[in-house]
Amino acid sequence: MSFYDLDLVTIDGTPQKMDVYRGKTLLIVNVASQCGFTPQYEGLQALYGKFKDRGLVVLGFPCNQFGRQEPGGEAEIEQFCTRNFGVTFPMFAKIDVNGANAHPLYHYLKSEKPGILGTEAIKWNFTKFLVGSDGTVLKRYAPSDKPEMIEADLAARL
């Protein structure tokens, strides 16, 4: 199975294959609504707005595995993101990023770009992965790496 064969579910429950993003540069982020990093939604939306016409798509994957900071359902999450941060980039159904029930997308991302010292586990909300237009995982960013810090990497690739 390739990166583009992975099955996703959008935040409104629609099944989708990763294949719809073939040829796009992706910034994939596990997100949460009640986290100290939640204000990064603003920066993620700014990157999306600035670079979407050049082929960038930000993909948000809500996750409740870190401090139970994403307790709501999909409709509540979507409303929160839209109302508070004007999010227009694609959001997906809540998933696990670690453990036995981790989504296959995150198995793939973590195996392709392990973290510091080779650890694969996602450490916290707002870990980011930059994926090239050919599906290659190019870079992994820490939760503390603000979206503005990623702008130069995006500009160089788009």
C-alpha atoms as a PDB file:
ATOM      1  CA  MET A   1       0.000   0.000   0.000  1.00  0.00           C
ATOM      2  CA  SER A   2       1.306   3.437  -0.911  1.00  0.00           C
ATOM      3  CA  PHE A   3       0.807   6.761   0.826  1.00  0.00           C
ATOM      4  CA  TYR A   4      -1.896   7.668  -1.676  1.00  0.00           C
ATOM      5  CA  ASP A   5      -3.884   4.460  -0.989  1.00  0.00           C
ATOM      6  CA  LEU A   6      -4.536   5.377   2.647  1.00  0.00           C
ATOM      7  CA  ASP A   7      -8.183   5.749   3.650  1.00  0.00           C
ATOM      8  CA  LEU A   8      -9.300   8.880   5.476  1.00  0.00           C
ATOM      9  CA  VAL A   9     -12.602  10.123   6.881  1.00  0.00           C
ATOM     10  CA  THR A  10     -13.342  13.839   6.707  1.00  0.00           C
ATOM     11  CA  ILE A  11     -14.663  15.700   9.724  1.00  0.00           C
ATOM     12  CA  ASP A  12     -18.184  15.446   8.282  1.00  0.00           C
ATOM     13  CA  GLY A  13     -17.881  11.642   8.000  1.00  0.00           C
ATOM     14  CA  THR A  14     -17.184  11.376   4.267  1.00  0.00           C
ATOM     15  CA  PRO A  15     -14.760   8.588   3.275  1.00  0.00           C
ATOM     16  CA  GLN A  16     -11.810   9.857   1.265  1.00  0.00           C
ATOM     17  CA  LYS A  17      -8.566   8.448  -0.100  1.00  0.00           C
ATOM     18  CA  MET A  18      -5.303  10.285   0.358  1.00  0.00           C
ATOM     19  CA  ASP A  19      -5.067  10.062  -3.453  1.00  0.00           C
ATOM     20  CA  VAL A  20      -7.125  13.263  -3.799  1.00  0.00           C
ATOM     21  CA  TYR A  21      -3.986  15.090  -2.611  1.00  0.00           C
ATOM     22  CA  ARG A  22      -1.625  13.564  -5.197  1.00  0.00           C
ATOM     23  CA  GLY A  23       0.606  16.309  -6.616  1.00  0.00           C
ATOM     24  CA  LYS A  24       0.034  18.619  -3.631  1.00  0.00           C
ATOM     25  CA  THR A  25       2.495  19.557  -0.900  1.00  0.00           C
ATOM     26  CA  LEU A  26       0.952  18.640   2.444  1.00  0.00           C
ATOM     27  CA  LEU A  27       1.391  19.879   5.987  1.00  0.00           C
ATOM     28  CA  ILE A  28      -0.207  17.206   8.182  1.00  0.00           C
ATOM     29  CA  VAL A  29      -0.916  18.165  11.797  1.00  0.00           C
ATOM     30  CA  ASN A  30      -2.486  16.395  14.780  1.00  0.00           C
ATOM     31  CA  VAL A  31      -4.607  19.077  16.416  1.00  0.00           C
ATOM     32  CA  ALA A  32      -6.574  19.706  19.612  1.00  0.00           C
ATOM     33  CA  SER A  33      -8.978  22.430  20.703  1.00  0.00           C
ATOM     34  CA  GLN A  34      -7.960  22.750  24.357  1.00  0.00           C
ATOM     35  CA  CYS A  35      -4.169  22.746  24.106  1.00  0.00           C
ATOM     36  CA  GLY A  36      -1.617  25.437  24.808  1.00  0.00           C
ATOM     37  CA  PHE A  37      -0.651  25.135  21.130  1.00  0.00           C
ATOM     38  CA  THR A  38      -4.240  25.584  19.880  1.00  0.00           C
ATOM     39  CA  PRO A  39      -3.518  29.188  18.778  1.00  0.00           C
ATOM     40  CA  GLN A  40      -1.307  27.622  16.067  1.00  0.00           C
ATOM     41  CA  TYR A  41      -4.553  27.091  14.130  1.00  0.00           C
ATOM     42  CA  GLU A  42      -4.244  30.774  13.210  1.00  0.00           C
ATOM     43  CA  GLY A  43      -0.758  30.299  11.783  1.00  0.00           C
ATOM     44  CA  LEU A  44      -1.738  27.099   9.979  1.00  0.00           C
ATOM     45  CA  GLN A  45      -4.671  28.899   8.361  1.00  0.00           C
ATOM     46  CA  ALA A  46      -2.365  31.776   7.375  1.00  0.00           C
ATOM     47  CA  LEU A  47       0.054  29.347   5.684  1.00  0.00           C
ATOM     48  CA  TYR A  48      -2.823  27.659   3.894  1.00  0.00           C
ATOM     49  CA  GLY A  49      -4.220  30.979   2.712  1.00  0.00           C
ATOM     50  CA  LYS A  50      -0.823  32.174   1.513  1.00  0.00           C
ATOM     51  CA  PHE A  51       0.278  28.995  -0.283  1.00  0.00           C
ATOM     52  CA  LYS A  52      -2.825  27.041  -1.313  1.00  0.00           C
ATOM     53  CA  ASP A  53      -2.751  28.518  -4.817  1.00  0.00           C
ATOM     54  CA  ARG A  54       0.828  27.231  -5.126  1.00  0.00           C
ATOM     55  CA  GLY A  55      -0.162  23.664  -4.174  1.00  0.00           C
ATOM     56  CA  LEU A  56      -0.112  23.539  -0.355  1.00  0.00           C
ATOM     57  CA  VAL A  57      -2.838  21.742   1.572  1.00  0.00           C
ATOM     58  CA  VAL A  58      -2.869  21.738   5.377  1.00  0.00           C
ATOM     59  CA  LEU A  59      -4.603  18.658   6.799  1.00  0.00           C
ATOM     60  CA  GLY A  60      -5.839  18.724  10.402  1.00  0.00           C
ATOM     61  CA  PHE A  61      -6.349  15.500  12.354  1.00  0.00           C
ATOM     62  CA  PRO A  62      -7.999  16.000  15.754  1.00  0.00           C
ATOM     63  CA  CYS A  63      -6.607  13.714  18.447  1.00  0.00           C
ATOM     64  CA  ASN A  64      -7.608  13.265  22.096  1.00  0.00           C
ATOM     65  CA  GLN A  65      -4.556  11.250  23.200  1.00  0.00           C
ATOM     66  CA  PHE A  66      -2.654  14.071  24.884  1.00  0.00           C
ATOM     67  CA  GLY A  67      -4.154  15.341  28.113  1.00  0.00           C
ATOM     68  CA  ARG A  68      -7.678  14.723  26.743  1.00  0.00           C
ATOM     69  CA  GLN A  69      -7.453  18.118  25.040  1.00  0.00           C
ATOM     70  CA  GLU A  70      -9.838  17.208  22.195  1.00  0.00           C
ATOM     71  CA  PRO A  71     -12.890  15.771  24.007  1.00  0.00           C
ATOM     72  CA  GLY A  72     -15.602  17.010  21.626  1.00  0.00           C
ATOM     73  CA  GLY A  73     -17.207  15.317  18.672  1.00  0.00           C
ATOM     74  CA  GLU A  74     -16.464  16.158  15.068  1.00  0.00           C
ATOM     75  CA  ALA A  75     -19.259  18.720  14.669  1.00  0.00           C
ATOM     76  CA  GLU A  76     -18.118  20.538  17.803  1.00  0.00           C
ATOM     77  CA  ILE A  77     -14.479  20.496  16.660  1.00  0.00           C
ATOM     78  CA  GLU A  78     -15.371  21.822  13.225  1.00  0.00           C
ATOM     79  CA  GLN A  79     -17.485  24.606  14.689  1.00  0.00           C
ATOM     80  CA  PHE A  80     -14.729  25.551  17.150  1.00  0.00           C
ATOM     81  CA  CYS A  81     -12.080  25.749  14.399  1.00  0.00           C
ATOM     82  CA  THR A  82     -14.268  27.757  12.057  1.00  0.00           C
ATOM     83  CA  ARG A  83     -15.627  30.152  14.676  1.00  0.00           C
ATOM     84  CA  ASN A  84     -12.386  30.815  16.550  1.00  0.00           C
ATOM     85  CA  PHE A  85      -9.723  30.582  13.842  1.00  0.00           C
ATOM     86  CA  GLY A  86     -11.513  30.803  10.487  1.00  0.00           C
ATOM     87  CA  VAL A  87     -10.147  27.390   9.481  1.00  0.00           C
ATOM     88  CA  THR A  88     -10.861  26.537   5.844  1.00  0.00           C
ATOM     89  CA  PHE A  89      -8.231  23.832   5.344  1.00  0.00           C
ATOM     90  CA  PRO A  90      -9.431  20.206   5.359  1.00  0.00           C
ATOM     91  CA  MET A  91     -10.172  18.702   8.743  1.00  0.00           C
ATOM     92  CA  PHE A  92     -10.686  15.034   9.448  1.00  0.00           C
ATOM     93  CA  ALA A  93     -12.429  12.747  11.917  1.00  0.00           C
ATOM     94  CA  LYS A  94     -10.772  12.334  15.291  1.00  0.00           C
ATOM     95  CA  ILE A  95      -8.028   9.695  15.263  1.00  0.00           C
ATOM     96  CA  ASP A  96      -5.315   8.147  17.420  1.00  0.00           C
ATOM     97  CA  VAL A  97      -1.748   8.920  16.392  1.00  0.00           C
ATOM     98  CA  ASN A  98      -0.008   6.535  18.813  1.00  0.00           C
ATOM     99  CA  GLY A  99      -0.665   3.062  20.155  1.00  0.00           C
ATOM    100  CA  ALA A 100      -2.464  -0.008  18.866  1.00  0.00           C
ATOM    101  CA  ASN A 101      -5.280   2.048  17.325  1.00  0.00           C
ATOM    102  CA  ALA A 102      -3.082   4.632  15.614  1.00  0.00           C
ATOM    103  CA  HIS A 103      -4.377   5.583  12.182  1.00  0.00           C
ATOM    104  CA  PRO A 104      -2.389   4.009   9.292  1.00  0.00           C
ATOM    105  CA  LEU A 105      -1.500   7.511   8.092  1.00  0.00           C
ATOM    106  CA  TYR A 106       0.385   8.126  11.321  1.00  0.00           C
ATOM    107  CA  HIS A 107       2.069   4.701  11.207  1.00  0.00           C
ATOM    108  CA  TYR A 108       3.357   5.761   7.786  1.00  0.00           C
ATOM    109  CA  LEU A 109       4.413   9.295   8.769  1.00  0.00           C
ATOM    110  CA  LYS A 110       6.209   8.179  11.927  1.00  0.00           C
ATOM    111  CA  SER A 111       8.075   5.350  10.219  1.00  0.00           C
ATOM    112  CA  GLU A 112       9.214   7.658   7.402  1.00  0.00           C
ATOM    113  CA  LYS A 113      10.305  10.531   9.677  1.00  0.00           C
ATOM    114  CA  PRO A 114      11.048   9.424  13.220  1.00  0.00           C
ATOM    115  CA  GLY A 115      11.555  12.042  15.885  1.00  0.00           C
ATOM    116  CA  ILE A 116      14.641  12.872  17.915  1.00  0.00           C
ATOM    117  CA  LEU A 117      16.830   9.854  18.670  1.00  0.00           C
ATOM    118  CA  GLY A 118      14.747   7.754  16.295  1.00  0.00           C
ATOM    119  CA  THR A 119      11.630   7.660  18.427  1.00  0.00           C
ATOM    120  CA  GLU A 120       8.498   7.254  16.362  1.00  0.00           C
ATOM    121  CA  ALA A 121       5.895   8.258  18.944  1.00  0.00           C
ATOM    122  CA  ILE A 122       4.121  11.561  18.550  1.00  0.00           C
ATOM    123  CA  LYS A 123       4.967  13.503  21.689  1.00  0.00           C
ATOM    124  CA  TRP A 124       2.101  16.010  21.780  1.00  0.00           C
ATOM    125  CA  ASN A 125      -0.562  17.898  19.860  1.00  0.00           C
ATOM    126  CA  PHE A 126       0.496  19.990  16.846  1.00  0.00           C
ATOM    127  CA  THR A 127       3.326  17.753  15.663  1.00  0.00           C
ATOM    128  CA  LYS A 128       3.651  18.568  11.971  1.00  0.00           C
ATOM    129  CA  PHE A 129       4.808  16.583   8.935  1.00  0.00           C
ATOM    130  CA  LEU A 130       5.750  18.148   5.608  1.00  0.00           C
ATOM    131  CA  VAL A 131       4.985  15.796   2.704  1.00  0.00           C
ATOM    132  CA  GLY A 132       6.195  16.525  -0.815  1.00  0.00           C
ATOM    133  CA  SER A 133       4.007  16.502  -3.900  1.00  0.00           C
ATOM    134  CA  ASP A 134       5.218  12.954  -4.655  1.00  0.00           C
ATOM    135  CA  GLY A 135       4.147  11.602  -1.242  1.00  0.00           C
ATOM    136  CA  THR A 136       7.641  11.650   0.280  1.00  0.00           C
ATOM    137  CA  VAL A 137       7.715  12.651   3.964  1.00  0.00           C
ATOM    138  CA  LEU A 138      10.253  15.467   3.942  1.00  0.00           C
ATOM    139  CA  LYS A 139      10.375  16.843   7.461  1.00  0.00           C
ATOM    140  CA  ARG A 140       8.905  16.448  10.942  1.00  0.00           C
ATOM    141  CA  TYR A 141       8.344  19.493  13.149  1.00  0.00           C
ATOM    142  CA  ALA A 142       7.908  19.606  16.905  1.00  0.00           C
ATOM    143  CA  PRO A 143       4.711  20.923  18.503  1.00  0.00           C
ATOM    144  CA  SER A 144       6.645  24.012  19.625  1.00  0.00           C
ATOM    145  CA  ASP A 145       7.618  24.810  16.018  1.00  0.00           C
ATOM    146  CA  LYS A 146       5.196  27.569  15.130  1.00  0.00           C
ATOM    147  CA  PRO A 147       3.695  27.571  11.629  1.00  0.00           C
ATOM    148  CA  GLU A 148       5.540  30.810  10.836  1.00  0.00           C
ATOM    149  CA  MET A 149       8.831  28.915  11.303  1.00  0.00           C
ATOM    150  CA  ILE A 150       7.794  26.484   8.540  1.00  0.00           C
ATOM    151  CA  GLU A 151       7.069  29.179   5.960  1.00  0.00           C
ATOM    152  CA  ALA A 152      10.594  29.225   4.517  1.00  0.00           C
ATOM    153  CA  ASP A 153      10.547  25.435   3.997  1.00  0.00           C
ATOM    154  CA  LEU A 154       7.198  25.725   2.225  1.00  0.00           C
ATOM    155  CA  ALA A 155       8.257  28.630   0.029  1.00  0.00           C
ATOM    156  CA  ALA A 156      11.328  26.669  -1.079  1.00  0.00           C
ATOM    157  CA  ARG A 157       9.207  23.665  -2.118  1.00  0.00           C
ATOM    158  CA  LEU A 158       6.298  25.395  -3.836  1.00  0.00           C
END
